[in-house]
Amino acid sequence: MPELSTKQKIVSVSIQLFNEHGLANVRLQQIADEAGISVGNLAYHFRNKEAIVCAVHEELAGEISEILSTYRIFPNLLDFDNQLTKYFGFVQQYAFYYVDCVEVDRTCPEIVNFRRQHIPKMISQIRKRFDFNISRGLIRKEPRPGFYDTLAESIWVLIAFWVTQSLARGKALPLHQQNFKEAIWNQVYPHFTDKGVAEYEQLILPLFRATAP
């Protein structure tokens, strides 16, 4: 693996420190010390912490866009599970982005517009999965209009904030991917038809057993 440039190292170290201590509690001197450079050298690349946060945003924006592109690659339930794997890795890597979301938005205003663009896309993809799997006979039809709209939003909340609530309850990174996935699949499971249960047990449950903590 090629050695990181100084600028890349600053961004990487900053993400680590923001996750460990919280965005508001990290100072430029800490970042410089962890990166093994002087504050002056850091300032050459980033004039302040706000500029670092915006650089982190550019990195994570590319990653979330890549995750959104991994939609409907597999013609079965593995497609959603595969995307959940990627979401879990993303949310752990950028935990501060969700834990300190209000502070992050204030620090780098461009993030506000980004959130308003990618969150509806995430929810829309989740919602369309219900329609797709209804057509496949795996999911029951809506018990009432708008039911799966609300459920899709609830699943998005779990994806985005499952790590945050785990940290709030005293758990530490890294967390177990299986627990994250089970929390989300448990929202879907009650709405499976018999055919859906069969595919879930054939394709998804073995993955849980393979990654059990």
C-alpha atoms as a PDB file:
ATOM      1  CA  MET A   1       0.000   0.000   0.000  1.00  0.00           C
ATOM      2  CA  PRO A   2       1.471   3.407  -0.953  1.00  0.00           C
ATOM      3  CA  GLU A   3       2.378   5.742   1.888  1.00  0.00           C
ATOM      4  CA  LEU A   4      -0.228   8.387   2.668  1.00  0.00           C
ATOM      5  CA  SER A   5       0.552  11.972   1.739  1.00  0.00           C
ATOM      6  CA  THR A   6       0.736  14.436   4.621  1.00  0.00           C
ATOM      7  CA  LYS A   7      -2.692  15.788   3.707  1.00  0.00           C
ATOM      8  CA  GLN A   8      -4.216  12.301   3.605  1.00  0.00           C
ATOM      9  CA  LYS A   9      -2.562  11.425   6.912  1.00  0.00           C
ATOM     10  CA  ILE A  10      -4.041  14.530   8.553  1.00  0.00           C
ATOM     11  CA  VAL A  11      -7.515  13.570   7.354  1.00  0.00           C
ATOM     12  CA  SER A  12      -7.105   9.951   8.495  1.00  0.00           C
ATOM     13  CA  VAL A  13      -5.806  10.945  11.929  1.00  0.00           C
ATOM     14  CA  SER A  14      -8.564  13.532  12.309  1.00  0.00           C
ATOM     15  CA  ILE A  15     -11.276  10.934  11.658  1.00  0.00           C
ATOM     16  CA  GLN A  16      -9.738   8.688  14.310  1.00  0.00           C
ATOM     17  CA  LEU A  17      -9.565  11.497  16.888  1.00  0.00           C
ATOM     18  CA  PHE A  18     -13.062  12.804  16.113  1.00  0.00           C
ATOM     19  CA  ASN A  19     -14.412   9.284  16.657  1.00  0.00           C
ATOM     20  CA  GLU A  20     -12.506   8.810  19.912  1.00  0.00           C
ATOM     21  CA  HIS A  21     -12.998  12.207  21.539  1.00  0.00           C
ATOM     22  CA  GLY A  22     -15.822  13.971  19.713  1.00  0.00           C
ATOM     23  CA  LEU A  23     -15.507  16.746  17.166  1.00  0.00           C
ATOM     24  CA  ALA A  24     -15.689  19.619  19.666  1.00  0.00           C
ATOM     25  CA  ASN A  25     -12.977  18.143  21.913  1.00  0.00           C
ATOM     26  CA  VAL A  26     -10.233  17.743  19.311  1.00  0.00           C
ATOM     27  CA  ARG A  27      -7.694  20.540  18.852  1.00  0.00           C
ATOM     28  CA  LEU A  28      -5.315  21.177  15.974  1.00  0.00           C
ATOM     29  CA  GLN A  29      -2.350  20.461  18.263  1.00  0.00           C
ATOM     30  CA  GLN A  30      -3.730  16.976  18.976  1.00  0.00           C
ATOM     31  CA  ILE A  31      -4.131  16.295  15.280  1.00  0.00           C
ATOM     32  CA  ALA A  32      -0.606  17.524  14.540  1.00  0.00           C
ATOM     33  CA  ASP A  33       0.877  15.430  17.367  1.00  0.00           C
ATOM     34  CA  GLU A  34      -0.935  12.292  16.235  1.00  0.00           C
ATOM     35  CA  ALA A  35       0.123  12.882  12.627  1.00  0.00           C
ATOM     36  CA  GLY A  36       3.726  13.458  13.714  1.00  0.00           C
ATOM     37  CA  ILE A  37       3.958  16.952  12.233  1.00  0.00           C
ATOM     38  CA  SER A  38       4.119  20.521  13.518  1.00  0.00           C
ATOM     39  CA  VAL A  39       1.042  22.720  13.829  1.00  0.00           C
ATOM     40  CA  GLY A  40       2.639  24.982  11.233  1.00  0.00           C
ATOM     41  CA  ASN A  41       2.901  22.109   8.779  1.00  0.00           C
ATOM     42  CA  LEU A  42      -0.720  21.184   9.467  1.00  0.00           C
ATOM     43  CA  ALA A  43      -1.796  24.792   8.877  1.00  0.00           C
ATOM     44  CA  TYR A  44      -0.022  24.711   5.508  1.00  0.00           C
ATOM     45  CA  HIS A  45      -2.516  22.057   4.390  1.00  0.00           C
ATOM     46  CA  PHE A  46      -5.591  23.088   6.420  1.00  0.00           C
ATOM     47  CA  ARG A  47      -6.068  26.572   7.810  1.00  0.00           C
ATOM     48  CA  ASN A  48      -8.390  25.387  10.616  1.00  0.00           C
ATOM     49  CA  LYS A  49     -10.402  22.447  11.912  1.00  0.00           C
ATOM     50  CA  GLU A  50     -13.379  23.454   9.788  1.00  0.00           C
ATOM     51  CA  ALA A  51     -11.278  22.921   6.650  1.00  0.00           C
ATOM     52  CA  ILE A  52     -10.329  19.446   7.888  1.00  0.00           C
ATOM     53  CA  VAL A  53     -13.971  18.537   8.503  1.00  0.00           C
ATOM     54  CA  CYS A  54     -14.848  19.669   4.980  1.00  0.00           C
ATOM     55  CA  ALA A  55     -12.018  17.502   3.602  1.00  0.00           C
ATOM     56  CA  VAL A  56     -13.374  14.534   5.551  1.00  0.00           C
ATOM     57  CA  HIS A  57     -16.779  15.318   4.073  1.00  0.00           C
ATOM     58  CA  GLU A  58     -15.392  15.061   0.536  1.00  0.00           C
ATOM     59  CA  GLU A  59     -13.997  11.631   1.369  1.00  0.00           C
ATOM     60  CA  LEU A  60     -17.137  10.273   3.000  1.00  0.00           C
ATOM     61  CA  ALA A  61     -19.400  11.738   0.309  1.00  0.00           C
ATOM     62  CA  GLY A  62     -17.571   9.648  -2.260  1.00  0.00           C
ATOM     63  CA  GLU A  63     -17.927   6.538  -0.125  1.00  0.00           C
ATOM     64  CA  ILE A  64     -21.650   6.947   0.525  1.00  0.00           C
ATOM     65  CA  SER A  65     -22.235   7.536  -3.189  1.00  0.00           C
ATOM     66  CA  GLU A  66     -20.379   4.300  -3.904  1.00  0.00           C
ATOM     67  CA  ILE A  67     -22.591   2.424  -1.412  1.00  0.00           C
ATOM     68  CA  LEU A  68     -25.739   3.837  -2.998  1.00  0.00           C
ATOM     69  CA  SER A  69     -24.511   2.535  -6.360  1.00  0.00           C
ATOM     70  CA  THR A  70     -24.479  -1.043  -5.015  1.00  0.00           C
ATOM     71  CA  TYR A  71     -28.251  -1.314  -5.360  1.00  0.00           C
ATOM     72  CA  ARG A  72     -29.997  -4.252  -7.037  1.00  0.00           C
ATOM     73  CA  ILE A  73     -26.785  -6.074  -7.957  1.00  0.00           C
ATOM     74  CA  PHE A  74     -28.080  -9.415  -6.660  1.00  0.00           C
ATOM     75  CA  PRO A  75     -31.632 -10.570  -7.547  1.00  0.00           C
ATOM     76  CA  ASN A  76     -32.388 -11.743  -4.004  1.00  0.00           C
ATOM     77  CA  LEU A  77     -32.141 -10.824  -0.303  1.00  0.00           C
ATOM     78  CA  LEU A  78     -28.350 -10.943  -0.467  1.00  0.00           C
ATOM     79  CA  ASP A  79     -28.491  -7.585  -2.240  1.00  0.00           C
ATOM     80  CA  PHE A  80     -29.757  -5.753   0.843  1.00  0.00           C
ATOM     81  CA  ASP A  81     -27.453  -7.709   3.152  1.00  0.00           C
ATOM     82  CA  ASN A  82     -24.475  -6.799   0.987  1.00  0.00           C
ATOM     83  CA  GLN A  83     -25.421  -3.131   1.174  1.00  0.00           C
ATOM     84  CA  LEU A  84     -25.881  -3.397   4.952  1.00  0.00           C
ATOM     85  CA  THR A  85     -22.310  -4.695   5.227  1.00  0.00           C
ATOM     86  CA  LYS A  86     -21.087  -1.589   3.434  1.00  0.00           C
ATOM     87  CA  TYR A  87     -23.275   0.742   5.500  1.00  0.00           C
ATOM     88  CA  PHE A  88     -22.003  -0.794   8.732  1.00  0.00           C
ATOM     89  CA  GLY A  89     -18.386  -0.282   7.719  1.00  0.00           C
ATOM     90  CA  PHE A  90     -19.130   3.295   6.706  1.00  0.00           C
ATOM     91  CA  VAL A  91     -21.006   4.249   9.879  1.00  0.00           C
ATOM     92  CA  GLN A  92     -18.261   2.775  12.073  1.00  0.00           C
ATOM     93  CA  GLN A  93     -15.495   4.474  10.106  1.00  0.00           C
ATOM     94  CA  TYR A  94     -17.220   7.866  10.338  1.00  0.00           C
ATOM     95  CA  ALA A  95     -19.017   7.413  13.666  1.00  0.00           C
ATOM     96  CA  PHE A  96     -18.529  11.065  14.635  1.00  0.00           C
ATOM     97  CA  TYR A  97     -20.466  12.119  11.519  1.00  0.00           C
ATOM     98  CA  TYR A  98     -23.599  10.734  13.172  1.00  0.00           C
ATOM     99  CA  VAL A  99     -22.749  11.154  16.871  1.00  0.00           C
ATOM    100  CA  ASP A 100     -21.890  14.842  16.377  1.00  0.00           C
ATOM    101  CA  CYS A 101     -24.208  15.485  13.425  1.00  0.00           C
ATOM    102  CA  VAL A 102     -25.412  18.913  14.615  1.00  0.00           C
ATOM    103  CA  GLU A 103     -21.868  20.122  15.313  1.00  0.00           C
ATOM    104  CA  VAL A 104     -20.627  18.658  12.026  1.00  0.00           C
ATOM    105  CA  ASP A 105     -23.287  20.539  10.070  1.00  0.00           C
ATOM    106  CA  ARG A 106     -22.376  23.803  11.789  1.00  0.00           C
ATOM    107  CA  THR A 107     -18.684  23.250  11.095  1.00  0.00           C
ATOM    108  CA  CYS A 108     -19.064  22.467   7.388  1.00  0.00           C
ATOM    109  CA  PRO A 109     -22.325  23.831   5.920  1.00  0.00           C
ATOM    110  CA  GLU A 110     -21.858  21.895   2.646  1.00  0.00           C
ATOM    111  CA  ILE A 111     -22.661  18.747   4.610  1.00  0.00           C
ATOM    112  CA  VAL A 112     -26.219  19.960   5.227  1.00  0.00           C
ATOM    113  CA  ASN A 113     -26.985  19.931   1.492  1.00  0.00           C
ATOM    114  CA  PHE A 114     -25.272  16.571   1.096  1.00  0.00           C
ATOM    115  CA  ARG A 115     -27.399  15.016   3.842  1.00  0.00           C
ATOM    116  CA  ARG A 116     -30.560  16.387   2.232  1.00  0.00           C
ATOM    117  CA  GLN A 117     -29.586  14.705  -1.025  1.00  0.00           C
ATOM    118  CA  HIS A 118     -28.334  11.295   0.077  1.00  0.00           C
ATOM    119  CA  ILE A 119     -30.765  10.538   2.924  1.00  0.00           C
ATOM    120  CA  PRO A 120     -33.856  10.566   0.644  1.00  0.00           C
ATOM    121  CA  LYS A 121     -31.951   8.313  -1.788  1.00  0.00           C
ATOM    122  CA  MET A 122     -31.198   5.835   0.988  1.00  0.00           C
ATOM    123  CA  ILE A 123     -34.819   5.781   2.139  1.00  0.00           C
ATOM    124  CA  SER A 124     -36.077   5.494  -1.443  1.00  0.00           C
ATOM    125  CA  GLN A 125     -33.858   2.475  -2.100  1.00  0.00           C
ATOM    126  CA  ILE A 126     -35.095   0.764   1.065  1.00  0.00           C
ATOM    127  CA  ARG A 127     -38.704   1.496   0.132  1.00  0.00           C
ATOM    128  CA  LYS A 128     -38.240   0.137  -3.402  1.00  0.00           C
ATOM    129  CA  ARG A 129     -36.880  -3.087  -1.952  1.00  0.00           C
ATOM    130  CA  PHE A 130     -40.292  -3.716  -0.405  1.00  0.00           C
ATOM    131  CA  ASP A 131     -42.015  -3.275  -3.770  1.00  0.00           C
ATOM    132  CA  PHE A 132     -39.433  -5.489  -5.493  1.00  0.00           C
ATOM    133  CA  ASN A 133     -39.820  -8.280  -2.955  1.00  0.00           C
ATOM    134  CA  ILE A 134     -43.609  -7.986  -2.956  1.00  0.00           C
ATOM    135  CA  SER A 135     -43.417  -8.654  -6.708  1.00  0.00           C
ATOM    136  CA  ARG A 136     -41.216 -11.682  -5.989  1.00  0.00           C
ATOM    137  CA  GLY A 137     -43.716 -13.005  -3.470  1.00  0.00           C
ATOM    138  CA  LEU A 138     -41.329 -12.619  -0.509  1.00  0.00           C
ATOM    139  CA  ILE A 139     -43.033  -9.701   1.264  1.00  0.00           C
ATOM    140  CA  ARG A 140     -46.699  -9.319   2.139  1.00  0.00           C
ATOM    141  CA  LYS A 141     -48.657  -6.464   0.640  1.00  0.00           C
ATOM    142  CA  GLU A 142     -48.986  -3.333   2.760  1.00  0.00           C
ATOM    143  CA  PRO A 143     -51.509  -3.746   5.587  1.00  0.00           C
ATOM    144  CA  ARG A 144     -52.464  -0.114   4.985  1.00  0.00           C
ATOM    145  CA  PRO A 145     -51.310   2.668   2.618  1.00  0.00           C
ATOM    146  CA  GLY A 146     -48.005   4.252   3.610  1.00  0.00           C
ATOM    147  CA  PHE A 147     -47.012   1.444   5.994  1.00  0.00           C
ATOM    148  CA  TYR A 148     -43.829   0.530   4.122  1.00  0.00           C
ATOM    149  CA  ASP A 149     -42.970   4.209   3.633  1.00  0.00           C
ATOM    150  CA  THR A 150     -42.804   4.590   7.406  1.00  0.00           C
ATOM    151  CA  LEU A 151     -40.982   1.289   7.838  1.00  0.00           C
ATOM    152  CA  ALA A 152     -38.360   2.339   5.271  1.00  0.00           C
ATOM    153  CA  GLU A 153     -37.741   5.528   7.262  1.00  0.00           C
ATOM    154  CA  SER A 154     -37.454   3.511  10.490  1.00  0.00           C
ATOM    155  CA  ILE A 155     -34.906   1.191   8.886  1.00  0.00           C
ATOM    156  CA  TRP A 156     -32.905   4.214   7.716  1.00  0.00           C
ATOM    157  CA  VAL A 157     -32.846   5.496  11.311  1.00  0.00           C
ATOM    158  CA  LEU A 158     -31.449   2.141  12.443  1.00  0.00           C
ATOM    159  CA  ILE A 159     -28.783   2.133   9.741  1.00  0.00           C
ATOM    160  CA  ALA A 160     -27.693   5.682  10.526  1.00  0.00           C
ATOM    161  CA  PHE A 161     -27.894   5.638  14.311  1.00  0.00           C
ATOM    162  CA  TRP A 162     -27.478   2.045  15.506  1.00  0.00           C
ATOM    163  CA  VAL A 163     -23.771   2.683  16.126  1.00  0.00           C
ATOM    164  CA  THR A 164     -24.556   5.991  17.860  1.00  0.00           C
ATOM    165  CA  GLN A 165     -27.032   4.414  20.283  1.00  0.00           C
ATOM    166  CA  SER A 166     -24.555   1.613  21.005  1.00  0.00           C
ATOM    167  CA  LEU A 167     -21.873   4.144  21.928  1.00  0.00           C
ATOM    168  CA  ALA A 168     -24.380   6.068  24.067  1.00  0.00           C
ATOM    169  CA  ARG A 169     -25.009   2.848  26.023  1.00  0.00           C
ATOM    170  CA  GLY A 170     -21.332   2.466  26.847  1.00  0.00           C
ATOM    171  CA  LYS A 171     -20.210   0.102  24.101  1.00  0.00           C
ATOM    172  CA  ALA A 172     -16.955   0.745  22.272  1.00  0.00           C
ATOM    173  CA  LEU A 173     -15.786   0.531  18.686  1.00  0.00           C
ATOM    174  CA  PRO A 174     -15.442  -1.805  16.906  1.00  0.00           C
ATOM    175  CA  LEU A 175     -18.978  -3.154  17.255  1.00  0.00           C
ATOM    176  CA  HIS A 176     -20.345  -6.464  15.969  1.00  0.00           C
ATOM    177  CA  GLN A 177     -21.732  -6.364  12.454  1.00  0.00           C
ATOM    178  CA  GLN A 178     -24.064  -9.293  13.148  1.00  0.00           C
ATOM    179  CA  ASN A 179     -25.897  -7.349  15.882  1.00  0.00           C
ATOM    180  CA  PHE A 180     -26.335  -4.398  13.532  1.00  0.00           C
ATOM    181  CA  LYS A 181     -27.726  -6.574  10.758  1.00  0.00           C
ATOM    182  CA  GLU A 182     -30.042  -8.534  13.033  1.00  0.00           C
ATOM    183  CA  ALA A 183     -31.554  -5.295  14.354  1.00  0.00           C
ATOM    184  CA  ILE A 184     -32.414  -4.292  10.787  1.00  0.00           C
ATOM    185  CA  TRP A 185     -33.500  -7.664   9.424  1.00  0.00           C
ATOM    186  CA  ASN A 186     -35.780  -8.049  12.456  1.00  0.00           C
ATOM    187  CA  GLN A 187     -37.758  -5.069  11.126  1.00  0.00           C
ATOM    188  CA  VAL A 188     -38.327  -6.896   7.849  1.00  0.00           C
ATOM    189  CA  TYR A 189     -38.838 -10.458   9.067  1.00  0.00           C
ATOM    190  CA  PRO A 190     -42.444 -10.082  10.361  1.00  0.00           C
ATOM    191  CA  HIS A 191     -43.509  -9.029   6.855  1.00  0.00           C
ATOM    192  CA  PHE A 192     -42.078 -12.049   5.034  1.00  0.00           C
ATOM    193  CA  THR A 193     -44.348 -14.560   3.355  1.00  0.00           C
ATOM    194  CA  ASP A 194     -43.484 -18.243   3.765  1.00  0.00           C
ATOM    195  CA  LYS A 195     -41.411 -17.919   0.597  1.00  0.00           C
ATOM    196  CA  GLY A 196     -39.608 -14.924   2.098  1.00  0.00           C
ATOM    197  CA  VAL A 197     -38.850 -16.799   5.319  1.00  0.00           C
ATOM    198  CA  ALA A 198     -37.442 -19.689   3.281  1.00  0.00           C
ATOM    199  CA  GLU A 199     -35.092 -17.423   1.285  1.00  0.00           C
ATOM    200  CA  TYR A 200     -34.039 -15.585   4.445  1.00  0.00           C
ATOM    201  CA  GLU A 201     -33.204 -18.856   6.196  1.00  0.00           C
ATOM    202  CA  GLN A 202     -31.350 -20.140   3.143  1.00  0.00           C
ATOM    203  CA  LEU A 203     -29.304 -17.027   2.298  1.00  0.00           C
ATOM    204  CA  ILE A 204     -29.105 -14.706   5.312  1.00  0.00           C
ATOM    205  CA  LEU A 205     -29.090 -16.851   8.458  1.00  0.00           C
ATOM    206  CA  PRO A 206     -25.936 -18.756   7.392  1.00  0.00           C
ATOM    207  CA  LEU A 207     -24.131 -15.406   7.134  1.00  0.00           C
ATOM    208  CA  PHE A 208     -25.099 -14.597  10.721  1.00  0.00           C
ATOM    209  CA  ARG A 209     -23.747 -17.929  11.931  1.00  0.00           C
ATOM    210  CA  ALA A 210     -20.491 -17.370  10.047  1.00  0.00           C
ATOM    211  CA  THR A 211     -19.921 -13.938  11.633  1.00  0.00           C
ATOM    212  CA  ALA A 212     -21.259 -14.617  15.148  1.00  0.00           C
ATOM    213  CA  PRO A 213     -19.231 -12.771  17.841  1.00  0.00           C
END
